[in-house]
C-alpha atoms as a PDB file:
ATOM      1  CA  UNK A   1       0.000   0.000   0.000  1.00  0.00           C
ATOM      2  CA  UNK A   2       1.427   3.386  -0.932  1.00  0.00           C
ATOM      3  CA  UNK A   3       1.876   6.270   1.496  1.00  0.00           C
ATOM      4  CA  UNK A   4      -0.107   8.469  -0.952  1.00  0.00           C
ATOM      5  CA  UNK A   5      -3.232   6.319  -0.791  1.00  0.00           C
ATOM      6  CA  UNK A   6      -2.819   5.979   2.983  1.00  0.00           C
ATOM      7  CA  UNK A   7      -2.539   9.763   3.219  1.00  0.00           C
ATOM      8  CA  UNK A   8      -5.730  10.175   1.195  1.00  0.00           C
ATOM      9  CA  UNK A   9      -7.600   7.774   3.451  1.00  0.00           C
ATOM     10  CA  UNK A  10      -6.278   9.457   6.592  1.00  0.00           C
ATOM     11  CA  UNK A  11      -7.092  12.974   5.371  1.00  0.00           C
ATOM     12  CA  UNK A  12     -10.623  11.957   4.463  1.00  0.00           C
ATOM     13  CA  UNK A  13     -11.046  10.502   7.949  1.00  0.00           C
ATOM     14  CA  UNK A  14      -9.656  13.593   9.678  1.00  0.00           C
ATOM     15  CA  UNK A  15     -10.361  17.119   8.413  1.00  0.00           C
ATOM     16  CA  UNK A  16      -8.740  18.835  11.432  1.00  0.00           C
ATOM     17  CA  UNK A  17      -6.675  21.108   9.189  1.00  0.00           C
ATOM     18  CA  UNK A  18      -9.875  22.544   7.666  1.00  0.00           C
ATOM     19  CA  UNK A  19     -12.495  22.403  10.427  1.00  0.00           C
ATOM     20  CA  UNK A  20     -11.169  25.129  12.727  1.00  0.00           C
ATOM     21  CA  UNK A  21      -9.392  22.809  15.155  1.00  0.00           C
ATOM     22  CA  UNK A  22      -5.767  23.070  13.971  1.00  0.00           C
ATOM     23  CA  UNK A  23      -5.872  26.575  12.479  1.00  0.00           C
ATOM     24  CA  UNK A  24      -7.949  29.728  12.724  1.00  0.00           C
ATOM     25  CA  UNK A  25      -6.928  31.208   9.346  1.00  0.00           C
ATOM     26  CA  UNK A  26      -5.230  30.159   6.111  1.00  0.00           C
ATOM     27  CA  UNK A  27      -3.088  32.767   4.386  1.00  0.00           C
ATOM     28  CA  UNK A  28      -3.410  32.930   0.642  1.00  0.00           C
ATOM     29  CA  UNK A  29      -0.249  32.982  -1.454  1.00  0.00           C
ATOM     30  CA  UNK A  30       0.668  35.343  -4.305  1.00  0.00           C
ATOM     31  CA  UNK A  31       0.032  32.555  -6.841  1.00  0.00           C
ATOM     32  CA  UNK A  32      -3.523  32.025  -5.564  1.00  0.00           C
ATOM     33  CA  UNK A  33      -6.061  33.516  -7.954  1.00  0.00           C
ATOM     34  CA  UNK A  34      -8.434  35.283  -5.580  1.00  0.00           C
ATOM     35  CA  UNK A  35     -11.180  36.218  -8.030  1.00  0.00           C
ATOM     36  CA  UNK A  36     -11.985  32.592  -8.912  1.00  0.00           C
ATOM     37  CA  UNK A  37     -11.936  31.660  -5.212  1.00  0.00           C
ATOM     38  CA  UNK A  38     -14.309  34.534  -4.441  1.00  0.00           C
ATOM     39  CA  UNK A  39     -16.568  33.439  -7.331  1.00  0.00           C
ATOM     40  CA  UNK A  40     -16.739  30.014  -5.696  1.00  0.00           C
ATOM     41  CA  UNK A  41     -17.966  31.775  -2.554  1.00  0.00           C
ATOM     42  CA  UNK A  42     -14.790  32.071  -0.493  1.00  0.00           C
ATOM     43  CA  UNK A  43     -14.858  35.103   1.783  1.00  0.00           C
ATOM     44  CA  UNK A  44     -11.362  36.557   1.613  1.00  0.00           C
ATOM     45  CA  UNK A  45     -10.239  38.869   4.393  1.00  0.00           C
ATOM     46  CA  UNK A  46      -7.120  41.004   4.647  1.00  0.00           C
ATOM     47  CA  UNK A  47      -4.687  41.529   7.472  1.00  0.00           C
ATOM     48  CA  UNK A  48      -2.715  44.582   6.439  1.00  0.00           C
ATOM     49  CA  UNK A  49      -2.256  43.586   2.794  1.00  0.00           C
ATOM     50  CA  UNK A  50      -2.118  39.816   3.281  1.00  0.00           C
ATOM     51  CA  UNK A  51      -5.227  37.958   2.118  1.00  0.00           C
ATOM     52  CA  UNK A  52      -6.550  35.034   4.143  1.00  0.00           C
ATOM     53  CA  UNK A  53      -9.696  33.080   4.806  1.00  0.00           C
ATOM     54  CA  UNK A  54     -11.049  32.012   8.148  1.00  0.00           C
ATOM     55  CA  UNK A  55     -11.424  28.508   9.445  1.00  0.00           C
ATOM     56  CA  UNK A  56     -13.481  26.429   9.629  1.00  0.00           C
ATOM     57  CA  UNK A  57     -13.457  26.340   5.868  1.00  0.00           C
ATOM     58  CA  UNK A  58     -16.897  26.756   4.358  1.00  0.00           C
ATOM     59  CA  UNK A  59     -15.982  24.300   1.619  1.00  0.00           C
ATOM     60  CA  UNK A  60     -15.405  21.400   3.999  1.00  0.00           C
ATOM     61  CA  UNK A  61     -18.288  18.941   3.811  1.00  0.00           C
ATOM     62  CA  UNK A  62     -18.155  15.640   5.658  1.00  0.00           C
ATOM     63  CA  UNK A  63     -14.354  15.931   5.939  1.00  0.00           C
ATOM     64  CA  UNK A  64     -13.992  16.447   2.187  1.00  0.00           C
ATOM     65  CA  UNK A  65     -12.987  19.544   0.265  1.00  0.00           C
ATOM     66  CA  UNK A  66     -15.753  20.903  -1.935  1.00  0.00           C
ATOM     67  CA  UNK A  67     -13.260  22.833  -4.087  1.00  0.00           C
ATOM     68  CA  UNK A  68     -10.463  20.271  -4.118  1.00  0.00           C
ATOM     69  CA  UNK A  69      -9.284  21.015  -7.676  1.00  0.00           C
ATOM     70  CA  UNK A  70      -9.413  24.798  -7.083  1.00  0.00           C
ATOM     71  CA  UNK A  71      -8.147  24.816  -3.456  1.00  0.00           C
ATOM     72  CA  UNK A  72      -5.538  27.419  -2.452  1.00  0.00           C
ATOM     73  CA  UNK A  73      -1.803  26.723  -2.489  1.00  0.00           C
ATOM     74  CA  UNK A  74      -1.452  26.311   1.286  1.00  0.00           C
ATOM     75  CA  UNK A  75      -4.207  23.718   1.221  1.00  0.00           C
ATOM     76  CA  UNK A  76      -2.533  21.890  -1.657  1.00  0.00           C
ATOM     77  CA  UNK A  77       0.841  21.683   0.041  1.00  0.00           C
ATOM     78  CA  UNK A  78      -0.045  21.258   3.700  1.00  0.00           C
ATOM     79  CA  UNK A  79       0.951  17.986   5.306  1.00  0.00           C
ATOM     80  CA  UNK A  80       0.353  17.548   8.995  1.00  0.00           C
ATOM     81  CA  UNK A  81       2.985  15.940  11.173  1.00  0.00           C
ATOM     82  CA  UNK A  82       1.109  12.629  11.068  1.00  0.00           C
ATOM     83  CA  UNK A  83       1.370  12.472   7.266  1.00  0.00           C
ATOM     84  CA  UNK A  84       5.037  13.425   7.361  1.00  0.00           C
ATOM     85  CA  UNK A  85       5.783  10.744   9.931  1.00  0.00           C
ATOM     86  CA  UNK A  86       3.773   8.161   7.990  1.00  0.00           C
ATOM     87  CA  UNK A  87       5.714   8.990   4.831  1.00  0.00           C
ATOM     88  CA  UNK A  88       8.995   8.729   6.772  1.00  0.00           C
ATOM     89  CA  UNK A  89       7.995   5.254   7.945  1.00  0.00           C
ATOM     90  CA  UNK A  90       7.901   6.292  11.598  1.00  0.00           C
ATOM     91  CA  UNK A  91       4.572   4.573  12.069  1.00  0.00           C
ATOM     92  CA  UNK A  92       1.872   2.661  10.240  1.00  0.00           C
ATOM     93  CA  UNK A  93      -1.411   3.805   8.761  1.00  0.00           C
ATOM     94  CA  UNK A  94      -3.211   2.057  11.641  1.00  0.00           C
ATOM     95  CA  UNK A  95      -1.181   3.998  14.205  1.00  0.00           C
ATOM     96  CA  UNK A  96      -1.879   7.250  12.357  1.00  0.00           C
ATOM     97  CA  UNK A  97      -5.602   6.436  12.155  1.00  0.00           C
ATOM     98  CA  UNK A  98      -5.633   5.738  15.877  1.00  0.00           C
ATOM     99  CA  UNK A  99      -4.195   9.200  16.616  1.00  0.00           C
ATOM    100  CA  UNK A 100      -6.794  10.786  14.339  1.00  0.00           C
ATOM    101  CA  UNK A 101      -9.603   8.908  16.097  1.00  0.00           C
ATOM    102  CA  UNK A 102      -8.232  10.003  19.460  1.00  0.00           C
ATOM    103  CA  UNK A 103      -8.176  13.665  18.394  1.00  0.00           C
ATOM    104  CA  UNK A 104     -11.660  13.465  16.862  1.00  0.00           C
ATOM    105  CA  UNK A 105     -13.015  11.871  20.035  1.00  0.00           C
ATOM    106  CA  UNK A 106     -11.513  14.694  22.088  1.00  0.00           C
ATOM    107  CA  UNK A 107     -13.066  17.263  19.738  1.00  0.00           C
ATOM    108  CA  UNK A 108     -16.427  15.487  19.975  1.00  0.00           C
ATOM    109  CA  UNK A 109     -16.220  15.580  23.772  1.00  0.00           C
ATOM    110  CA  UNK A 110     -15.581  19.318  23.723  1.00  0.00           C
ATOM    111  CA  UNK A 111     -18.396  19.889  21.225  1.00  0.00           C
ATOM    112  CA  UNK A 112     -20.770  17.858  23.390  1.00  0.00           C
ATOM    113  CA  UNK A 113     -19.900  20.066  26.344  1.00  0.00           C
ATOM    114  CA  UNK A 114     -20.377  23.194  24.219  1.00  0.00           C
ATOM    115  CA  UNK A 115     -23.783  21.926  23.071  1.00  0.00           C
ATOM    116  CA  UNK A 116     -24.773  21.591  26.738  1.00  0.00           C
ATOM    117  CA  UNK A 117     -24.095  25.342  26.976  1.00  0.00           C
ATOM    118  CA  UNK A 118     -26.271  25.930  23.908  1.00  0.00           C
ATOM    119  CA  UNK A 119     -23.336  26.583  21.555  1.00  0.00           C
ATOM    120  CA  UNK A 120     -23.819  25.259  18.050  1.00  0.00           C
ATOM    121  CA  UNK A 121     -21.751  27.870  16.232  1.00  0.00           C
ATOM    122  CA  UNK A 122     -20.118  25.829  13.496  1.00  0.00           C
ATOM    123  CA  UNK A 123     -18.765  28.990  11.849  1.00  0.00           C
ATOM    124  CA  UNK A 124     -16.163  29.665  14.560  1.00  0.00           C
ATOM    125  CA  UNK A 125     -13.016  27.802  15.524  1.00  0.00           C
ATOM    126  CA  UNK A 126     -13.295  25.307  18.329  1.00  0.00           C
ATOM    127  CA  UNK A 127     -10.954  27.330  20.513  1.00  0.00           C
ATOM    128  CA  UNK A 128     -12.919  30.564  20.112  1.00  0.00           C
ATOM    129  CA  UNK A 129     -16.141  28.693  20.895  1.00  0.00           C
ATOM    130  CA  UNK A 130     -14.609  27.295  24.083  1.00  0.00           C
ATOM    131  CA  UNK A 131     -13.245  30.686  25.114  1.00  0.00           C
ATOM    132  CA  UNK A 132     -16.654  32.274  24.572  1.00  0.00           C
ATOM    133  CA  UNK A 133     -18.331  29.557  26.647  1.00  0.00           C
ATOM    134  CA  UNK A 134     -15.769  30.007  29.416  1.00  0.00           C
ATOM    135  CA  UNK A 135     -16.409  33.756  29.521  1.00  0.00           C
ATOM    136  CA  UNK A 136     -20.075  33.055  30.134  1.00  0.00           C
ATOM    137  CA  UNK A 137     -19.532  30.263  32.632  1.00  0.00           C
ATOM    138  CA  UNK A 138     -16.165  29.198  34.085  1.00  0.00           C
ATOM    139  CA  UNK A 139     -15.683  25.478  33.608  1.00  0.00           C
ATOM    140  CA  UNK A 140     -12.282  24.057  34.602  1.00  0.00           C
ATOM    141  CA  UNK A 141     -13.141  20.660  33.081  1.00  0.00           C
ATOM    142  CA  UNK A 142     -13.846  22.224  29.676  1.00  0.00           C
ATOM    143  CA  UNK A 143     -10.640  24.267  29.847  1.00  0.00           C
ATOM    144  CA  UNK A 144      -8.753  21.065  30.699  1.00  0.00           C
ATOM    145  CA  UNK A 145     -10.347  19.212  27.765  1.00  0.00           C
ATOM    146  CA  UNK A 146      -9.130  21.968  25.424  1.00  0.00           C
ATOM    147  CA  UNK A 147      -5.657  21.939  27.025  1.00  0.00           C
ATOM    148  CA  UNK A 148      -5.358  18.156  26.560  1.00  0.00           C
ATOM    149  CA  UNK A 149      -6.496  18.461  22.939  1.00  0.00           C
ATOM    150  CA  UNK A 150      -3.868  21.144  22.281  1.00  0.00           C
ATOM    151  CA  UNK A 151      -1.173  18.921  23.797  1.00  0.00           C
ATOM    152  CA  UNK A 152      -2.144  16.096  21.436  1.00  0.00           C
ATOM    153  CA  UNK A 153      -2.341  18.432  18.425  1.00  0.00           C
ATOM    154  CA  UNK A 154       1.048  19.990  19.229  1.00  0.00           C
ATOM    155  CA  UNK A 155       2.678  16.599  19.761  1.00  0.00           C
ATOM    156  CA  UNK A 156       1.153  14.673  16.862  1.00  0.00           C
ATOM    157  CA  UNK A 157      -0.424  16.981  14.248  1.00  0.00           C
ATOM    158  CA  UNK A 158       1.125  20.439  14.111  1.00  0.00           C
ATOM    159  CA  UNK A 159       4.269  20.857  12.084  1.00  0.00           C
ATOM    160  CA  UNK A 160       7.157  22.317  14.006  1.00  0.00           C
ATOM    161  CA  UNK A 161       8.699  25.280  12.198  1.00  0.00           C
ATOM    162  CA  UNK A 162      12.444  25.121  11.655  1.00  0.00           C
END
């Protein structure tokens, strides 16, 4: 089995890079044609002069990209740490899938807690939703759930800059 097909299966089971869990924004690159992206319905924002779009991505549907062939450069080239380690032979597809399931279960637990508070805002990042809930009602257990998720994401998913 090739690492490419394993990566495809893992990405389609995950979606954390697009659903507002790993990132809050994605910066567009100079080679990204913004007009076609806007025509597709992407809301492009600007920080100073740098264009970006917010996460969760509005084109993510059931962990699949709705604009896969037209997706921005950063989306095309991003590989999480799990994919890099899989490609390097550091662990198997089953081990990678297990880490993804663990992260998704943690996210589901946080979302369940947020739903108990009445939060169903799927247009905001998970972290901002938790912070908003904590402003309204302090909840050390919820804060700890988010902390543990971040530890897992930092250790297993986020790419360390060199």
